[in-house]
Amino acid sequence: MLSLVAIERAKAAFVLSLLRGYFILIPSVLLFALLFDLNGVWLSVPFTEACVWALGSYFLFNALKNKQ
């Protein structure tokens, strides 16, 4: 996220922050808890981080490609 802010993409960084804290984490905690009980709660955090990493990489590469 800091990379996006550094290249003046604050909106994308803000979207990633919201996705990480609310829109991916909370549903994944609820869903994984139903599927895997307590282990699912713990697994939801790495799942959320992987999703945010993938989206962040996509945003960053697109921003860098468009900047050239």
Protein backbone atom coordinates (compact mmCIF):
# COMPACT_ATOMS: atom_id res chain seq x y z
CA MET A 1 0.00 0.00 0.00
CA LEU A 2 2.84 2.37 0.72
CA SER A 3 4.10 1.84 -2.81
CA LEU A 4 0.76 2.99 -4.18
CA VAL A 5 0.77 6.07 -1.98
CA ALA A 6 4.33 6.83 -3.04
CA ILE A 7 3.35 6.86 -6.71
CA GLU A 8 0.32 9.05 -5.97
CA ARG A 9 -2.33 6.33 -6.07
CA ALA A 10 -3.90 7.08 -2.71
CA LYS A 11 -7.37 5.95 -3.81
CA ALA A 12 -6.10 2.46 -4.66
CA ALA A 13 -4.23 2.29 -1.35
CA PHE A 14 -7.40 3.32 0.50
CA VAL A 15 -9.43 0.66 -1.30
CA LEU A 16 -6.87 -1.97 -0.31
CA SER A 17 -7.05 -0.85 3.30
CA LEU A 18 -10.82 -1.17 3.32
CA LEU A 19 -10.64 -4.57 1.63
CA ARG A 20 -8.11 -5.83 4.16
CA GLY A 21 -9.92 -4.59 7.23
CA TYR A 22 -13.56 -5.07 6.35
CA PHE A 23 -14.69 -6.36 2.99
CA ILE A 24 -12.49 -9.45 2.76
CA LEU A 25 -11.53 -10.17 6.37
CA ILE A 26 -14.95 -10.15 8.02
CA PRO A 27 -16.73 -12.33 5.43
CA SER A 28 -13.79 -14.75 5.32
CA VAL A 29 -13.78 -15.04 9.12
CA LEU A 30 -17.48 -15.85 9.12
CA LEU A 31 -17.28 -18.26 6.18
CA PHE A 32 -14.12 -20.05 7.28
CA ALA A 33 -15.46 -20.36 10.84
CA LEU A 34 -18.49 -22.18 9.47
CA LEU A 35 -16.36 -24.43 7.29
CA PHE A 36 -13.36 -25.10 9.55
CA ASP A 37 -14.46 -24.05 13.06
CA LEU A 38 -11.77 -22.27 15.08
CA ASN A 39 -9.00 -23.14 12.62
CA GLY A 40 -11.00 -21.30 9.97
CA VAL A 41 -10.83 -18.09 11.98
CA TRP A 42 -7.06 -18.34 12.01
CA LEU A 43 -6.91 -19.27 8.32
CA SER A 44 -8.96 -16.25 7.31
CA VAL A 45 -6.10 -13.84 8.10
CA PRO A 46 -3.54 -15.40 5.69
CA PHE A 47 -6.32 -15.75 3.11
CA THR A 48 -7.12 -12.03 3.44
CA GLU A 49 -3.45 -11.08 3.19
CA ALA A 50 -3.02 -13.21 0.05
CA CYS A 51 -6.05 -11.58 -1.57
CA VAL A 52 -4.85 -8.09 -0.71
CA TRP A 53 -1.33 -8.90 -1.93
CA ALA A 54 -2.71 -10.12 -5.27
CA LEU A 55 -4.94 -7.06 -5.72
CA GLY A 56 -2.18 -4.72 -4.58
CA SER A 57 0.25 -6.23 -7.05
CA TYR A 58 -2.31 -5.86 -9.82
CA PHE A 59 -2.95 -2.20 -8.91
CA LEU A 60 0.76 -1.46 -8.63
CA PHE A 61 1.75 -3.07 -11.93
CA ASN A 62 -1.10 -1.33 -13.75
CA ALA A 63 -0.15 2.02 -12.23
CA LEU A 64 3.49 1.60 -13.16
CA LYS A 65 2.61 0.46 -16.69
CA ASN A 66 0.33 3.48 -17.21
CA LYS A 67 2.96 5.85 -15.83
CA GLN A 68 5.51 4.97 -18.52
